[in-house]
Amino acid sequence: MKKSISNLPFHDTPEQAQKLDAVIAGLKGQAGAVMPALHQAQDIYGYLPLEVQKKIADGLDVPLEEVYDVSTFYSQFSLTPKGRNHISVCLGTACYVKGADKILDKLTSTLGIQPEECTEDGAFSLTACRCIGACGLAPVMTINEDVYGRLVPEDAAAKRNWTSTSVCSLARTMQKRSSRKLPKRHLPRMLQNKPNTGHKGGAPAV
């Protein structure tokens, strides 16, 4: 899934800015500093807005294009903030052939956002992920730490005004009667460290 820069206003705090300055100062002049700088910046802000990437590029004296290439190539980096309710739809092979793309389409039209975006009020964010190891429950999506399987897309379109308290209820209605919700701790770790397949060519230099 292609990444896009967040269109939401960036809000920095003095504490966050101070932490990022310290990270950059500690890595300045080191070979391969871009990757650890991005990791630590994401720990500070939760994502990597363009303003933070520019600050890293200036502080490490590297081109902004290099920082941006790394942030968009590796799937563990997020360019948009996570909402209070983060929804992730699995588009692995087993889920895709059972209609996960239609579920994702319904969610985008219902929430009014595209994958890798967050609603303006910060309530919901949406993404598409690789296989999470629950192929027997395909198609699958997660909402924060909860996993929902054997979904059907029709009910997603019926909810036009989602709230934080209704989102999990909606997900349950999207399930067929034979399915059940699984605690995420019972599943293998999501494969978040693979390179973003939307990038052509080899990994950028870091």
Protein backbone atom coordinates (compact mmCIF):
# COMPACT_ATOMS: atom_id res chain seq x y z
CA MET A 1 0.00 0.00 0.00
CA LYS A 2 1.46 3.32 -1.09
CA LYS A 3 2.21 5.70 1.76
CA SER A 4 1.04 9.29 1.80
CA ILE A 5 2.02 12.30 3.86
CA SER A 6 -0.56 13.24 6.49
CA ASN A 7 -2.78 16.20 5.63
CA LEU A 8 -3.51 16.86 9.31
CA PRO A 9 -1.87 19.84 11.07
CA PHE A 10 1.38 18.94 12.83
CA HIS A 11 1.46 19.80 16.52
CA ASP A 12 4.86 19.79 18.23
CA THR A 13 5.57 20.29 21.92
CA PRO A 14 8.73 21.74 23.47
CA GLU A 15 9.38 18.39 25.14
CA GLN A 16 9.11 16.48 21.87
CA ALA A 17 11.29 19.01 20.04
CA GLN A 18 13.93 18.77 22.76
CA LYS A 19 13.97 14.96 22.55
CA LEU A 20 14.34 15.04 18.76
CA ASP A 21 17.16 17.59 19.00
CA ALA A 22 18.97 15.26 21.39
CA VAL A 23 18.50 12.29 19.04
CA ILE A 24 19.88 14.23 16.09
CA ALA A 25 22.82 15.55 18.09
CA GLY A 26 23.71 12.04 19.24
CA LEU A 27 23.66 10.64 15.69
CA LYS A 28 25.16 13.54 13.76
CA GLY A 29 28.24 12.51 11.80
CA GLN A 30 27.58 8.79 12.14
CA ALA A 31 27.30 6.60 9.08
CA GLY A 32 23.81 5.16 8.57
CA ALA A 33 22.24 7.63 10.99
CA VAL A 34 18.98 8.09 9.06
CA MET A 35 17.40 4.77 10.05
CA PRO A 36 17.95 5.05 13.82
CA ALA A 37 16.95 8.72 13.71
CA LEU A 38 13.63 7.82 12.09
CA HIS A 39 13.03 5.00 14.56
CA GLN A 40 13.58 7.28 17.54
CA ALA A 41 11.60 10.13 15.99
CA GLN A 42 8.64 7.81 15.48
CA ASP A 43 8.92 6.74 19.13
CA ILE A 44 8.67 10.41 20.09
CA TYR A 45 5.81 11.49 17.80
CA GLY A 46 4.07 8.23 16.95
CA TYR A 47 4.58 8.86 13.23
CA LEU A 48 6.88 10.75 10.84
CA PRO A 49 5.31 13.97 9.55
CA LEU A 50 7.16 15.87 6.85
CA GLU A 51 8.19 18.55 9.36
CA VAL A 52 10.05 15.94 11.43
CA GLN A 53 11.69 14.45 8.34
CA LYS A 54 12.92 17.90 7.29
CA LYS A 55 14.38 18.48 10.74
CA ILE A 56 16.19 15.14 10.62
CA ALA A 57 17.55 15.89 7.14
CA ASP A 58 18.80 19.33 8.16
CA GLY A 59 20.26 18.09 11.44
CA LEU A 60 22.09 15.14 9.90
CA ASP A 61 23.11 17.16 6.83
CA VAL A 62 21.60 14.68 4.38
CA PRO A 63 19.16 15.31 1.51
CA LEU A 64 15.49 15.28 2.42
CA GLU A 65 14.97 12.85 -0.45
CA GLU A 66 17.14 10.28 1.33
CA VAL A 67 15.15 10.57 4.56
CA TYR A 68 11.85 10.38 2.66
CA ASP A 69 13.00 7.33 0.65
CA VAL A 70 13.81 5.42 3.84
CA SER A 71 10.58 6.42 5.59
CA THR A 72 8.44 5.30 2.66
CA PHE A 73 10.38 2.12 1.83
CA TYR A 74 10.23 0.37 5.20
CA SER A 75 6.78 -0.69 6.38
CA GLN A 76 7.50 -0.10 10.08
CA PHE A 77 7.51 3.65 9.48
CA SER A 78 4.21 5.54 9.42
CA LEU A 79 3.73 8.93 7.76
CA THR A 80 0.30 9.48 9.29
CA PRO A 81 -0.82 9.55 12.94
CA LYS A 82 -2.71 6.60 14.41
CA GLY A 83 -6.28 7.28 15.50
CA ARG A 84 -7.68 6.32 18.87
CA ASN A 85 -9.27 3.42 17.00
CA HIS A 86 -6.76 2.03 14.51
CA ILE A 87 -8.35 -0.27 11.92
CA SER A 88 -6.14 -2.57 9.86
CA VAL A 89 -7.50 -4.78 7.08
CA CYS A 90 -5.42 -7.80 6.09
CA LEU A 91 -4.80 -8.01 2.35
CA GLY A 92 -2.80 -11.23 2.46
CA THR A 93 -3.62 -13.80 -0.20
CA ALA A 94 -6.13 -15.80 1.85
CA CYS A 95 -8.01 -12.68 2.94
CA TYR A 96 -7.87 -11.03 -0.48
CA VAL A 97 -9.41 -13.96 -2.34
CA LYS A 98 -12.27 -13.94 0.19
CA GLY A 99 -13.13 -10.30 -0.37
CA ALA A 100 -10.91 -8.26 1.93
CA ASP A 101 -10.57 -5.61 -0.76
CA LYS A 102 -14.35 -5.09 -0.71
CA ILE A 103 -14.28 -4.71 3.09
CA LEU A 104 -11.52 -2.12 2.75
CA ASP A 105 -13.54 -0.25 0.11
CA LYS A 106 -16.57 -0.16 2.41
CA LEU A 107 -14.49 1.16 5.29
CA THR A 108 -12.92 3.92 3.19
CA SER A 109 -16.32 5.12 2.01
CA THR A 110 -17.80 4.89 5.51
CA LEU A 111 -14.98 6.71 7.30
CA GLY A 112 -14.24 9.13 4.47
CA ILE A 113 -10.51 8.37 4.51
CA GLN A 114 -8.11 6.32 2.43
CA PRO A 115 -5.68 3.71 3.75
CA GLU A 116 -2.76 5.31 5.61
CA GLU A 117 -4.97 8.24 6.64
CA CYS A 118 -6.58 9.42 9.87
CA THR A 119 -9.92 11.17 10.39
CA GLU A 120 -9.68 14.86 11.22
CA ASP A 121 -10.96 14.33 14.76
CA GLY A 122 -8.30 11.67 15.41
CA ALA A 123 -10.93 9.04 16.19
CA PHE A 124 -10.10 6.55 13.43
CA SER A 125 -7.17 5.61 11.25
CA LEU A 126 -7.11 3.00 8.53
CA THR A 127 -4.43 0.87 6.97
CA ALA A 128 -3.96 -2.30 4.97
CA CYS A 129 -1.49 -4.87 6.21
CA ARG A 130 0.19 -8.08 5.14
CA CYS A 131 -0.72 -11.49 6.48
CA ILE A 132 -1.19 -11.64 10.26
CA GLY A 133 -1.27 -15.45 10.41
CA ALA A 134 -5.02 -15.90 10.86
CA CYS A 135 -5.74 -17.31 7.40
CA GLY A 136 -8.31 -19.75 8.78
CA LEU A 137 -10.48 -16.77 9.75
CA ALA A 138 -10.14 -14.92 6.44
CA PRO A 139 -11.03 -12.22 5.73
CA VAL A 140 -9.63 -10.56 8.84
CA MET A 141 -9.24 -7.07 10.26
CA THR A 142 -7.94 -5.70 13.54
CA ILE A 143 -9.23 -2.81 15.63
CA ASN A 144 -6.50 -1.81 18.05
CA GLU A 145 -5.64 -5.07 19.84
CA ASP A 146 -8.74 -7.05 18.81
CA VAL A 147 -8.91 -9.35 15.80
CA TYR A 148 -12.13 -9.98 13.84
CA GLY A 149 -12.51 -12.75 11.28
CA ARG A 150 -14.83 -14.13 8.61
CA LEU A 151 -16.06 -10.65 7.83
CA VAL A 152 -18.73 -9.58 5.38
CA PRO A 153 -18.65 -6.04 3.96
CA GLU A 154 -22.34 -5.16 3.79
CA ASP A 155 -22.72 -3.91 7.35
CA ALA A 156 -19.81 -1.50 7.11
CA ALA A 157 -21.71 0.76 4.72
CA ALA A 158 -24.71 0.93 7.03
CA LYS A 159 -22.82 2.87 9.70
CA ARG A 160 -22.31 6.42 8.53
CA ASN A 161 -21.66 8.01 11.92
CA TRP A 162 -19.16 5.88 13.75
CA THR A 163 -18.20 6.62 17.34
CA SER A 164 -15.47 5.17 19.50
CA THR A 165 -18.03 3.12 21.41
CA SER A 166 -19.72 1.72 18.30
CA VAL A 167 -16.71 0.67 16.25
CA CYS A 168 -16.14 -2.69 17.90
CA SER A 169 -19.87 -3.40 17.90
CA LEU A 170 -19.92 -2.78 14.17
CA ALA A 171 -17.02 -5.14 13.65
CA ARG A 172 -18.90 -7.87 15.47
CA THR A 173 -21.90 -7.41 13.21
CA MET A 174 -19.62 -7.78 10.20
CA GLN A 175 -18.70 -11.28 11.32
CA LYS A 176 -20.57 -14.39 10.27
CA ARG A 177 -22.22 -16.34 13.05
CA SER A 178 -19.59 -19.06 12.91
CA SER A 179 -16.71 -16.71 13.64
CA ARG A 180 -15.29 -15.40 16.86
CA LYS A 181 -13.05 -12.57 18.00
CA LEU A 182 -9.50 -13.61 18.86
CA PRO A 183 -7.24 -11.75 21.29
CA LYS A 184 -4.34 -10.42 19.27
CA ARG A 185 -1.89 -11.96 21.69
CA HIS A 186 -2.90 -15.38 20.36
CA LEU A 187 -1.72 -14.53 16.85
CA PRO A 188 1.78 -14.35 15.38
CA ARG A 189 3.31 -10.88 15.26
CA MET A 190 2.21 -8.95 12.20
CA LEU A 191 4.86 -8.93 9.47
CA GLN A 192 5.67 -5.25 9.72
CA ASN A 193 9.38 -5.36 8.94
CA LYS A 194 9.19 -6.31 5.29
CA PRO A 195 9.97 -3.61 2.75
CA ASN A 196 7.00 -1.76 1.29
CA THR A 197 6.17 -3.61 -1.92
CA GLY A 198 5.01 -0.40 -3.59
CA HIS A 199 8.64 0.76 -3.86
CA LYS A 200 10.52 -0.25 -6.99
CA GLY A 201 14.16 -1.17 -6.81
CA GLY A 202 16.38 -2.11 -3.91
CA ALA A 203 16.40 -0.70 -0.43
CA PRO A 204 17.61 2.89 -0.15
CA ALA A 205 20.95 3.56 1.43
CA VAL A 206 20.67 4.19 5.17
